[in-house]
Amino acid sequence: MSVSPGCLCCVKYLMFVFNLIFWLGGCGLFGVGVWLSFTQAEFSSLPLSFPSLSAANLLLVAGGVTMVTGFLGCLGALKEQRCLLMTFFVILLILVLTEVALTLVLHIFHIELDTRAQNELKEGMRNYTTDEGLKKSWDNVQKMPCYQKAKQWLLDNISSVLVFGVCIGIVQILALIFSLLMYYQILRAEKYLD
């Protein structure tokens, strides 16, 4: 089945525009991650099993990966480079599979994760008087909404979060389809020219 050149051109520019938006979103995530890394220092003494999984670090990594993926998609679509399109496809496929796996893990183990987070925070309270850095971190946390309020806000807005997640998933699947479509059309055109 062959796709018309007009359709391929439309897919090419749609991919470019969507990946440009994707790249800009990655820049935003990265920027918020940098901002949090400077402003979050006051919370750094709170006990965490995985201190590298702070919000700032997660946003820095997510923003960086999103920027690279968006750039590869933009450039691959604009220049019609098979290598860039396939790299974009593979990275995006890994991201989609990771998102699905994390969603399943969070859904299956949400009670255990919630209990563990609460227990670690309670453990940190036991050392409040002996650790000055921890004392400062807890004093700063008390100025912010507590754990239960943040959890309740998430539960109250879960439908919006789910709709947002589904929309992101649909866009990612369309990007996977369009990148493969462009890849095979370019491959077919190169074979035709040889």
N, C-alpha and C. Protein backbone atom coordinates (compact mmCIF):
# COMPACT_ATOMS: atom_id res chain seq x y z
N MET A 1 0.84 -1.18 0.00
CA MET A 1 0.00 0.00 0.00
C MET A 1 0.89 1.24 0.00
N SER A 2 0.61 2.13 -0.90
CA SER A 2 1.43 3.32 -1.04
C SER A 2 0.68 4.54 -0.53
N VAL A 3 1.42 5.44 0.07
CA VAL A 3 0.84 6.68 0.56
C VAL A 3 1.21 7.78 -0.42
N SER A 4 0.26 8.66 -0.71
CA SER A 4 0.50 9.72 -1.68
C SER A 4 1.55 10.70 -1.15
N PRO A 5 2.27 11.36 -2.04
CA PRO A 5 3.28 12.34 -1.60
C PRO A 5 2.66 13.47 -0.77
N GLY A 6 1.43 13.87 -1.10
CA GLY A 6 0.77 14.92 -0.33
C GLY A 6 0.50 14.49 1.10
N CYS A 7 0.11 13.23 1.26
CA CYS A 7 -0.15 12.69 2.60
C CYS A 7 1.16 12.60 3.39
N LEU A 8 2.23 12.16 2.71
CA LEU A 8 3.53 12.06 3.37
C LEU A 8 4.02 13.44 3.80
N CYS A 9 3.79 14.44 2.97
CA CYS A 9 4.18 15.81 3.30
C CYS A 9 3.39 16.30 4.51
N CYS A 10 2.10 15.96 4.55
CA CYS A 10 1.26 16.36 5.69
C CYS A 10 1.75 15.69 6.97
N VAL A 11 2.06 14.39 6.90
CA VAL A 11 2.56 13.66 8.06
C VAL A 11 3.90 14.24 8.49
N LYS A 12 4.73 14.58 7.52
CA LYS A 12 6.05 15.15 7.81
C LYS A 12 5.93 16.43 8.64
N TYR A 13 5.08 17.33 8.20
CA TYR A 13 4.97 18.61 8.91
C TYR A 13 4.17 18.49 10.21
N LEU A 14 3.21 17.57 10.26
CA LEU A 14 2.51 17.31 11.52
C LEU A 14 3.49 16.76 12.55
N MET A 15 4.34 15.82 12.12
CA MET A 15 5.34 15.27 13.04
C MET A 15 6.30 16.36 13.50
N PHE A 16 6.69 17.23 12.59
CA PHE A 16 7.60 18.30 12.96
C PHE A 16 6.96 19.20 14.02
N VAL A 17 5.71 19.62 13.79
CA VAL A 17 5.04 20.54 14.72
C VAL A 17 4.83 19.87 16.07
N PHE A 18 4.33 18.63 16.08
CA PHE A 18 4.09 17.94 17.34
C PHE A 18 5.40 17.71 18.10
N ASN A 19 6.45 17.36 17.39
CA ASN A 19 7.73 17.15 18.06
C ASN A 19 8.36 18.45 18.53
N LEU A 20 8.07 19.54 17.84
CA LEU A 20 8.53 20.84 18.31
C LEU A 20 7.84 21.18 19.63
N ILE A 21 6.54 20.92 19.71
CA ILE A 21 5.79 21.13 20.96
C ILE A 21 6.33 20.19 22.03
N PHE A 22 6.61 18.94 21.66
CA PHE A 22 7.17 17.95 22.57
C PHE A 22 8.52 18.44 23.11
N TRP A 23 9.36 18.97 22.22
CA TRP A 23 10.67 19.49 22.62
C TRP A 23 10.52 20.67 23.57
N LEU A 24 9.60 21.59 23.24
CA LEU A 24 9.37 22.74 24.11
C LEU A 24 8.86 22.30 25.48
N GLY A 25 8.00 21.28 25.51
CA GLY A 25 7.54 20.73 26.79
C GLY A 25 8.71 20.15 27.59
N GLY A 26 9.62 19.49 26.89
CA GLY A 26 10.82 18.96 27.54
C GLY A 26 11.68 20.07 28.12
N CYS A 27 11.79 21.17 27.38
CA CYS A 27 12.54 22.33 27.91
C CYS A 27 11.87 22.85 29.18
N GLY A 28 10.53 22.89 29.18
CA GLY A 28 9.81 23.34 30.36
C GLY A 28 10.03 22.42 31.55
N LEU A 29 9.94 21.10 31.32
CA LEU A 29 10.19 20.14 32.39
C LEU A 29 11.60 20.28 32.94
N PHE A 30 12.55 20.42 32.03
CA PHE A 30 13.95 20.56 32.44
C PHE A 30 14.13 21.84 33.26
N GLY A 31 13.51 22.92 32.80
CA GLY A 31 13.61 24.19 33.53
C GLY A 31 13.02 24.10 34.93
N VAL A 32 11.86 23.46 35.05
CA VAL A 32 11.25 23.29 36.38
C VAL A 32 12.14 22.40 37.25
N GLY A 33 12.75 21.38 36.65
CA GLY A 33 13.68 20.53 37.40
C GLY A 33 14.87 21.30 37.93
N VAL A 34 15.43 22.19 37.10
CA VAL A 34 16.55 23.02 37.56
C VAL A 34 16.10 23.93 38.68
N TRP A 35 14.94 24.55 38.51
CA TRP A 35 14.40 25.44 39.53
C TRP A 35 14.18 24.70 40.85
N LEU A 36 13.58 23.50 40.77
CA LEU A 36 13.36 22.70 41.98
C LEU A 36 14.66 22.27 42.63
N SER A 37 15.67 21.97 41.82
CA SER A 37 16.93 21.52 42.41
C SER A 37 17.57 22.61 43.26
N PHE A 38 17.32 23.87 42.93
CA PHE A 38 17.85 24.96 43.74
C PHE A 38 16.94 25.29 44.92
N THR A 39 15.63 25.19 44.72
CA THR A 39 14.70 25.55 45.81
C THR A 39 14.38 24.39 46.72
N GLN A 40 14.67 23.17 46.31
CA GLN A 40 14.32 21.97 47.07
C GLN A 40 15.40 21.59 48.06
N ALA A 41 16.49 22.30 48.10
CA ALA A 41 17.61 21.95 48.98
C ALA A 41 17.17 21.88 50.43
N GLU A 42 16.16 22.67 50.79
CA GLU A 42 15.71 22.68 52.19
C GLU A 42 14.97 21.39 52.58
N PHE A 43 14.61 20.57 51.60
CA PHE A 43 13.94 19.31 51.89
C PHE A 43 14.88 18.12 51.74
N SER A 44 16.13 18.38 51.46
CA SER A 44 17.05 17.30 51.10
C SER A 44 17.38 16.37 52.26
N SER A 45 17.15 16.78 53.49
CA SER A 45 17.48 15.93 54.63
C SER A 45 16.35 14.97 55.01
N LEU A 46 15.20 15.08 54.35
CA LEU A 46 14.11 14.16 54.67
C LEU A 46 14.51 12.75 54.28
N PRO A 47 14.14 11.77 55.09
CA PRO A 47 14.53 10.40 54.79
C PRO A 47 13.78 9.86 53.58
N LEU A 48 14.51 9.35 52.62
CA LEU A 48 13.93 8.72 51.44
C LEU A 48 14.74 7.46 51.14
N SER A 49 14.05 6.41 50.71
CA SER A 49 14.77 5.19 50.34
C SER A 49 15.65 5.44 49.13
N PHE A 50 15.15 6.24 48.21
CA PHE A 50 15.87 6.53 47.00
C PHE A 50 15.98 8.05 46.84
N PRO A 51 17.00 8.67 47.47
CA PRO A 51 17.10 10.12 47.42
C PRO A 51 17.27 10.66 46.00
N SER A 52 17.77 9.83 45.08
CA SER A 52 17.92 10.31 43.71
C SER A 52 16.59 10.42 42.99
N LEU A 53 15.51 9.90 43.59
CA LEU A 53 14.19 9.99 42.99
C LEU A 53 13.43 11.22 43.46
N SER A 54 14.15 12.28 43.74
CA SER A 54 13.48 13.51 44.14
C SER A 54 12.74 14.07 42.94
N ALA A 55 11.78 14.95 43.21
CA ALA A 55 11.01 15.56 42.12
C ALA A 55 11.93 16.30 41.16
N ALA A 56 12.93 16.99 41.68
CA ALA A 56 13.84 17.74 40.82
C ALA A 56 14.60 16.81 39.87
N ASN A 57 15.14 15.73 40.41
CA ASN A 57 15.91 14.80 39.56
C ASN A 57 15.02 14.12 38.53
N LEU A 58 13.80 13.74 38.93
CA LEU A 58 12.89 13.11 37.98
C LEU A 58 12.53 14.07 36.86
N LEU A 59 12.29 15.33 37.19
CA LEU A 59 11.96 16.31 36.15
C LEU A 59 13.15 16.60 35.25
N LEU A 60 14.35 16.63 35.81
CA LEU A 60 15.55 16.83 34.99
C LEU A 60 15.72 15.70 33.98
N VAL A 61 15.56 14.47 34.43
CA VAL A 61 15.71 13.32 33.54
C VAL A 61 14.59 13.29 32.51
N ALA A 62 13.33 13.47 32.97
CA ALA A 62 12.20 13.46 32.05
C ALA A 62 12.32 14.58 31.02
N GLY A 63 12.72 15.76 31.47
CA GLY A 63 12.89 16.88 30.55
C GLY A 63 13.99 16.64 29.54
N GLY A 64 15.11 16.09 30.01
CA GLY A 64 16.22 15.79 29.10
C GLY A 64 15.85 14.76 28.05
N VAL A 65 15.21 13.68 28.48
CA VAL A 65 14.81 12.62 27.54
C VAL A 65 13.77 13.17 26.56
N THR A 66 12.83 13.96 27.05
CA THR A 66 11.79 14.55 26.19
C THR A 66 12.41 15.50 25.17
N MET A 67 13.37 16.30 25.61
CA MET A 67 14.03 17.22 24.68
C MET A 67 14.77 16.46 23.58
N VAL A 68 15.52 15.43 23.95
CA VAL A 68 16.27 14.65 22.96
C VAL A 68 15.31 13.95 22.00
N THR A 69 14.26 13.35 22.55
CA THR A 69 13.29 12.64 21.71
C THR A 69 12.59 13.61 20.76
N GLY A 70 12.16 14.75 21.27
CA GLY A 70 11.51 15.74 20.42
C GLY A 70 12.43 16.26 19.33
N PHE A 71 13.70 16.48 19.69
CA PHE A 71 14.67 16.94 18.70
C PHE A 71 14.87 15.91 17.60
N LEU A 72 15.02 14.64 18.00
CA LEU A 72 15.20 13.58 16.99
C LEU A 72 13.98 13.49 16.08
N GLY A 73 12.78 13.61 16.66
CA GLY A 73 11.56 13.55 15.86
C GLY A 73 11.46 14.72 14.90
N CYS A 74 11.77 15.93 15.39
CA CYS A 74 11.74 17.13 14.53
C CYS A 74 12.72 16.99 13.37
N LEU A 75 13.95 16.70 13.71
CA LEU A 75 14.99 16.62 12.68
C LEU A 75 14.75 15.45 11.73
N GLY A 76 14.34 14.32 12.27
CA GLY A 76 14.07 13.16 11.42
C GLY A 76 12.94 13.40 10.45
N ALA A 77 11.89 14.08 10.92
CA ALA A 77 10.75 14.38 10.05
C ALA A 77 11.12 15.43 9.01
N LEU A 78 11.79 16.48 9.44
CA LEU A 78 12.11 17.59 8.54
C LEU A 78 13.11 17.17 7.46
N LYS A 79 14.14 16.43 7.88
CA LYS A 79 15.20 16.03 6.94
C LYS A 79 14.90 14.69 6.26
N GLU A 80 13.82 14.03 6.70
CA GLU A 80 13.44 12.71 6.17
C GLU A 80 14.60 11.72 6.25
N GLN A 81 15.21 11.65 7.43
CA GLN A 81 16.33 10.74 7.68
C GLN A 81 15.82 9.48 8.37
N ARG A 82 16.03 8.34 7.72
CA ARG A 82 15.54 7.07 8.27
C ARG A 82 16.17 6.75 9.62
N CYS A 83 17.46 7.00 9.76
CA CYS A 83 18.16 6.68 11.00
C CYS A 83 17.58 7.46 12.17
N LEU A 84 17.34 8.75 11.98
CA LEU A 84 16.76 9.57 13.04
C LEU A 84 15.33 9.15 13.36
N LEU A 85 14.56 8.80 12.33
CA LEU A 85 13.19 8.37 12.56
C LEU A 85 13.14 7.06 13.33
N MET A 86 14.05 6.14 13.00
CA MET A 86 14.07 4.87 13.72
C MET A 86 14.55 5.06 15.15
N THR A 87 15.54 5.93 15.36
CA THR A 87 16.00 6.23 16.72
C THR A 87 14.88 6.85 17.53
N PHE A 88 14.16 7.79 16.93
CA PHE A 88 13.00 8.40 17.56
C PHE A 88 11.98 7.34 17.93
N PHE A 89 11.69 6.44 17.00
CA PHE A 89 10.71 5.37 17.23
C PHE A 89 11.13 4.49 18.40
N VAL A 90 12.39 4.07 18.43
CA VAL A 90 12.87 3.17 19.48
C VAL A 90 12.82 3.86 20.85
N ILE A 91 13.28 5.10 20.93
CA ILE A 91 13.26 5.82 22.21
C ILE A 91 11.82 6.01 22.68
N LEU A 92 10.93 6.40 21.76
CA LEU A 92 9.54 6.63 22.13
C LEU A 92 8.86 5.31 22.54
N LEU A 93 9.20 4.23 21.86
CA LEU A 93 8.63 2.93 22.23
C LEU A 93 9.09 2.52 23.63
N ILE A 94 10.36 2.74 23.93
CA ILE A 94 10.87 2.44 25.28
C ILE A 94 10.16 3.29 26.32
N LEU A 95 9.94 4.57 26.01
CA LEU A 95 9.22 5.46 26.93
C LEU A 95 7.79 4.98 27.17
N VAL A 96 7.11 4.60 26.10
CA VAL A 96 5.72 4.13 26.24
C VAL A 96 5.67 2.86 27.08
N LEU A 97 6.56 1.91 26.81
CA LEU A 97 6.59 0.66 27.58
C LEU A 97 6.94 0.93 29.04
N THR A 98 7.86 1.87 29.30
CA THR A 98 8.21 2.24 30.67
C THR A 98 7.03 2.87 31.38
N GLU A 99 6.31 3.75 30.70
CA GLU A 99 5.14 4.38 31.30
C GLU A 99 4.08 3.35 31.66
N VAL A 100 3.85 2.40 30.77
CA VAL A 100 2.87 1.35 31.04
C VAL A 100 3.31 0.51 32.24
N ALA A 101 4.59 0.15 32.27
CA ALA A 101 5.10 -0.66 33.39
C ALA A 101 4.99 0.10 34.71
N LEU A 102 5.37 1.38 34.72
CA LEU A 102 5.27 2.18 35.95
C LEU A 102 3.83 2.34 36.40
N THR A 103 2.93 2.54 35.45
CA THR A 103 1.51 2.66 35.80
C THR A 103 1.02 1.38 36.45
N LEU A 104 1.39 0.24 35.89
CA LEU A 104 0.97 -1.04 36.47
C LEU A 104 1.56 -1.24 37.86
N VAL A 105 2.84 -0.94 38.02
CA VAL A 105 3.49 -1.09 39.33
C VAL A 105 2.83 -0.18 40.37
N LEU A 106 2.58 1.08 40.00
CA LEU A 106 1.94 2.01 40.92
C LEU A 106 0.52 1.57 41.27
N HIS A 107 -0.18 1.02 40.29
CA HIS A 107 -1.54 0.56 40.55
C HIS A 107 -1.55 -0.68 41.46
N ILE A 108 -0.66 -1.61 41.19
CA ILE A 108 -0.64 -2.86 41.95
C ILE A 108 -0.11 -2.64 43.36
N PHE A 109 0.93 -1.82 43.51
CA PHE A 109 1.59 -1.66 44.80
C PHE A 109 1.30 -0.30 45.47
N HIS A 110 0.19 0.35 45.13
CA HIS A 110 -0.05 1.69 45.68
C HIS A 110 -0.21 1.69 47.19
N ILE A 111 -0.79 0.67 47.76
CA ILE A 111 -0.96 0.62 49.22
C ILE A 111 0.40 0.45 49.90
N GLU A 112 1.23 -0.46 49.38
CA GLU A 112 2.55 -0.67 49.95
C GLU A 112 3.43 0.57 49.83
N LEU A 113 3.36 1.24 48.68
CA LEU A 113 4.16 2.45 48.48
C LEU A 113 3.70 3.57 49.41
N ASP A 114 2.40 3.70 49.59
CA ASP A 114 1.85 4.71 50.48
C ASP A 114 2.29 4.45 51.92
N THR A 115 2.19 3.20 52.35
CA THR A 115 2.58 2.82 53.71
C THR A 115 4.07 3.07 53.92
N ARG A 116 4.87 2.69 52.94
CA ARG A 116 6.32 2.87 53.07
C ARG A 116 6.69 4.34 53.16
N ALA A 117 6.07 5.18 52.34
CA ALA A 117 6.36 6.62 52.39
C ALA A 117 5.99 7.19 53.75
N GLN A 118 4.84 6.82 54.28
CA GLN A 118 4.43 7.32 55.58
C GLN A 118 5.37 6.84 56.68
N ASN A 119 5.76 5.56 56.64
CA ASN A 119 6.67 5.02 57.65
C ASN A 119 8.03 5.72 57.62
N GLU A 120 8.54 6.00 56.43
CA GLU A 120 9.84 6.68 56.34
C GLU A 120 9.76 8.10 56.89
N LEU A 121 8.65 8.77 56.61
CA LEU A 121 8.50 10.12 57.15
C LEU A 121 8.37 10.09 58.67
N LYS A 122 7.65 9.10 59.21
CA LYS A 122 7.52 8.97 60.66
C LYS A 122 8.87 8.64 61.30
N GLU A 123 9.66 7.82 60.62
CA GLU A 123 11.00 7.49 61.10
C GLU A 123 11.87 8.74 61.17
N GLY A 124 11.71 9.61 60.18
CA GLY A 124 12.45 10.85 60.18
C GLY A 124 12.06 11.76 61.34
N MET A 125 10.82 11.69 61.77
CA MET A 125 10.36 12.50 62.90
C MET A 125 11.03 12.07 64.21
N ARG A 126 11.39 10.80 64.31
CA ARG A 126 12.05 10.31 65.53
C ARG A 126 13.43 10.94 65.72
N ASN A 127 14.07 11.34 64.63
CA ASN A 127 15.40 11.95 64.69
C ASN A 127 15.33 13.47 64.63
N TYR A 128 14.16 14.04 64.81
CA TYR A 128 13.95 15.48 64.67
C TYR A 128 14.85 16.30 65.59
N THR A 129 14.97 15.88 66.83
CA THR A 129 15.73 16.69 67.79
C THR A 129 17.24 16.48 67.69
N THR A 130 17.68 15.38 67.08
CA THR A 130 19.11 15.09 67.06
C THR A 130 19.82 15.54 65.78
N ASP A 131 19.10 15.71 64.70
CA ASP A 131 19.70 16.03 63.41
C ASP A 131 19.24 17.43 62.98
N GLU A 132 20.19 18.38 62.97
CA GLU A 132 19.84 19.78 62.68
C GLU A 132 19.32 19.96 61.25
N GLY A 133 19.95 19.27 60.28
CA GLY A 133 19.49 19.36 58.89
C GLY A 133 18.09 18.81 58.73
N LEU A 134 17.84 17.69 59.40
CA LEU A 134 16.51 17.09 59.36
C LEU A 134 15.48 17.99 60.04
N LYS A 135 15.88 18.64 61.12
CA LYS A 135 14.98 19.56 61.83
C LYS A 135 14.57 20.71 60.91
N LYS A 136 15.54 21.26 60.20
CA LYS A 136 15.24 22.37 59.29
C LYS A 136 14.31 21.91 58.16
N SER A 137 14.58 20.71 57.62
CA SER A 137 13.74 20.18 56.56
C SER A 137 12.31 19.99 57.03
N TRP A 138 12.13 19.41 58.22
CA TRP A 138 10.79 19.20 58.75
C TRP A 138 10.09 20.52 59.04
N ASP A 139 10.83 21.50 59.53
CA ASP A 139 10.22 22.81 59.78
C ASP A 139 9.71 23.42 58.47
N ASN A 140 10.46 23.25 57.39
CA ASN A 140 10.02 23.75 56.09
C ASN A 140 8.83 22.98 55.56
N VAL A 141 8.80 21.66 55.78
CA VAL A 141 7.68 20.85 55.32
C VAL A 141 6.39 21.26 56.04
N GLN A 142 6.50 21.62 57.31
CA GLN A 142 5.31 21.98 58.07
C GLN A 142 4.64 23.24 57.52
N LYS A 143 5.39 24.05 56.79
CA LYS A 143 4.81 25.25 56.19
C LYS A 143 4.02 24.90 54.93
N MET A 144 4.20 23.70 54.44
CA MET A 144 3.55 23.30 53.20
C MET A 144 2.41 22.35 53.51
N PRO A 145 1.53 22.06 52.51
CA PRO A 145 0.43 21.12 52.76
C PRO A 145 0.98 19.76 53.18
N CYS A 146 0.31 19.14 54.12
CA CYS A 146 0.80 17.86 54.62
C CYS A 146 0.52 16.73 53.64
N TYR A 147 1.06 15.59 53.95
CA TYR A 147 1.00 14.42 53.08
C TYR A 147 -0.44 14.05 52.75
N GLN A 148 -1.32 14.02 53.75
CA GLN A 148 -2.70 13.61 53.53
C GLN A 148 -3.44 14.59 52.61
N LYS A 149 -3.17 15.89 52.75
CA LYS A 149 -3.82 16.88 51.88
C LYS A 149 -3.37 16.70 50.44
N ALA A 150 -2.09 16.48 50.24
CA ALA A 150 -1.58 16.27 48.87
C ALA A 150 -2.16 14.98 48.28
N LYS A 151 -2.24 13.94 49.08
CA LYS A 151 -2.81 12.68 48.61
C LYS A 151 -4.29 12.86 48.27
N GLN A 152 -5.02 13.59 49.11
CA GLN A 152 -6.44 13.80 48.87
C GLN A 152 -6.67 14.63 47.61
N TRP A 153 -5.80 15.63 47.37
CA TRP A 153 -5.93 16.42 46.15
C TRP A 153 -5.77 15.53 44.92
N LEU A 154 -4.78 14.63 44.96
CA LEU A 154 -4.56 13.72 43.84
C LEU A 154 -5.77 12.81 43.64
N LEU A 155 -6.32 12.29 44.72
CA LEU A 155 -7.49 11.42 44.61
C LEU A 155 -8.71 12.18 44.10
N ASP A 156 -8.86 13.44 44.52
CA ASP A 156 -9.99 14.25 44.05
C ASP A 156 -9.88 14.56 42.57
N ASN A 157 -8.66 14.65 42.06
CA ASN A 157 -8.44 15.02 40.66
C ASN A 157 -7.96 13.85 39.81
N ILE A 158 -8.19 12.64 40.26
CA ILE A 158 -7.67 11.47 39.55
C ILE A 158 -8.23 11.35 38.14
N SER A 159 -9.48 11.76 37.93
CA SER A 159 -10.05 11.66 36.58
C SER A 159 -9.31 12.58 35.62
N SER A 160 -8.96 13.78 36.06
CA SER A 160 -8.21 14.70 35.21
C SER A 160 -6.82 14.15 34.91
N VAL A 161 -6.20 13.57 35.93
CA VAL A 161 -4.87 12.98 35.74
C VAL A 161 -4.94 11.83 34.75
N LEU A 162 -5.97 10.99 34.87
CA LEU A 162 -6.12 9.85 33.95
C LEU A 162 -6.39 10.32 32.53
N VAL A 163 -7.26 11.32 32.36
CA VAL A 163 -7.54 11.85 31.02
C VAL A 163 -6.27 12.41 30.40
N PHE A 164 -5.50 13.14 31.19
CA PHE A 164 -4.23 13.69 30.70
C PHE A 164 -3.29 12.55 30.27
N GLY A 165 -3.19 11.52 31.09
CA GLY A 165 -2.34 10.38 30.77
C GLY A 165 -2.77 9.66 29.51
N VAL A 166 -4.08 9.48 29.34
CA VAL A 166 -4.59 8.82 28.13
C VAL A 166 -4.30 9.67 26.89
N CYS A 167 -4.48 10.98 27.00
CA CYS A 167 -4.18 11.87 25.86
C CYS A 167 -2.71 11.80 25.48
N ILE A 168 -1.84 11.81 26.48
CA ILE A 168 -0.40 11.68 26.21
C ILE A 168 -0.12 10.34 25.52
N GLY A 169 -0.74 9.28 26.00
CA GLY A 169 -0.55 7.96 25.40
C GLY A 169 -1.00 7.91 23.95
N ILE A 170 -2.14 8.53 23.65
CA ILE A 170 -2.64 8.55 22.27
C ILE A 170 -1.69 9.31 21.37
N VAL A 171 -1.21 10.45 21.83
CA VAL A 171 -0.26 11.24 21.04
C VAL A 171 1.02 10.44 20.80
N GLN A 172 1.49 9.73 21.82
CA GLN A 172 2.71 8.94 21.66
C GLN A 172 2.50 7.80 20.67
N ILE A 173 1.35 7.15 20.73
CA ILE A 173 1.08 6.05 19.79
C ILE A 173 0.96 6.58 18.36
N LEU A 174 0.30 7.74 18.19
CA LEU A 174 0.24 8.35 16.85
C LEU A 174 1.63 8.71 16.35
N ALA A 175 2.48 9.21 17.23
CA ALA A 175 3.85 9.54 16.83
C ALA A 175 4.61 8.28 16.40
N LEU A 176 4.39 7.17 17.12
CA LEU A 176 5.02 5.91 16.72
C LEU A 176 4.55 5.49 15.32
N ILE A 177 3.26 5.58 15.08
CA ILE A 177 2.70 5.19 13.78
C ILE A 177 3.22 6.09 12.67
N PHE A 178 3.20 7.41 12.90
CA PHE A 178 3.65 8.35 11.87
C PHE A 178 5.14 8.19 11.57
N SER A 179 5.94 7.94 12.61
CA SER A 179 7.38 7.78 12.37
C SER A 179 7.65 6.52 11.54
N LEU A 180 6.94 5.43 11.84
CA LEU A 180 7.11 4.22 11.03
C LEU A 180 6.61 4.43 9.60
N LEU A 181 5.49 5.13 9.47
CA LEU A 181 4.95 5.41 8.15
C LEU A 181 5.96 6.21 7.32
N MET A 182 6.52 7.24 7.92
CA MET A 182 7.53 8.02 7.20
C MET A 182 8.76 7.19 6.89
N TYR A 183 9.19 6.37 7.85
CA TYR A 183 10.37 5.54 7.66
C TYR A 183 10.20 4.64 6.44
N TYR A 184 9.08 3.95 6.36
CA TYR A 184 8.87 3.01 5.25
C TYR A 184 8.63 3.72 3.93
N GLN A 185 8.03 4.89 3.95
CA GLN A 185 7.87 5.65 2.72
C GLN A 185 9.22 6.13 2.19
N ILE A 186 10.09 6.57 3.08
CA ILE A 186 11.43 7.00 2.66
C ILE A 186 12.22 5.80 2.14
N LEU A 187 12.11 4.67 2.83
CA LEU A 187 12.79 3.44 2.39
C LEU A 187 12.30 3.03 1.00
N ARG A 188 11.00 3.09 0.79
CA ARG A 188 10.41 2.72 -0.50
C ARG A 188 10.88 3.69 -1.59
N ALA A 189 10.95 4.97 -1.27
CA ALA A 189 11.41 5.96 -2.26
C ALA A 189 12.87 5.73 -2.60
N GLU A 190 13.70 5.39 -1.60
CA GLU A 190 15.12 5.13 -1.87
C GLU A 190 15.30 3.89 -2.73
N LYS A 191 14.51 2.85 -2.49
CA LYS A 191 14.60 1.63 -3.32
C LYS A 191 14.14 1.92 -4.74
N TYR A 192 13.14 2.76 -4.87
CA TYR A 192 12.63 3.12 -6.19
C TYR A 192 13.67 3.90 -6.98
N LEU A 193 14.42 4.78 -6.29
CA LEU A 193 15.44 5.58 -6.98
C LEU A 193 16.66 4.75 -7.36
N ASP A 194 16.92 3.65 -6.61
CA ASP A 194 18.08 2.81 -6.94
C ASP A 194 17.76 1.97 -8.10
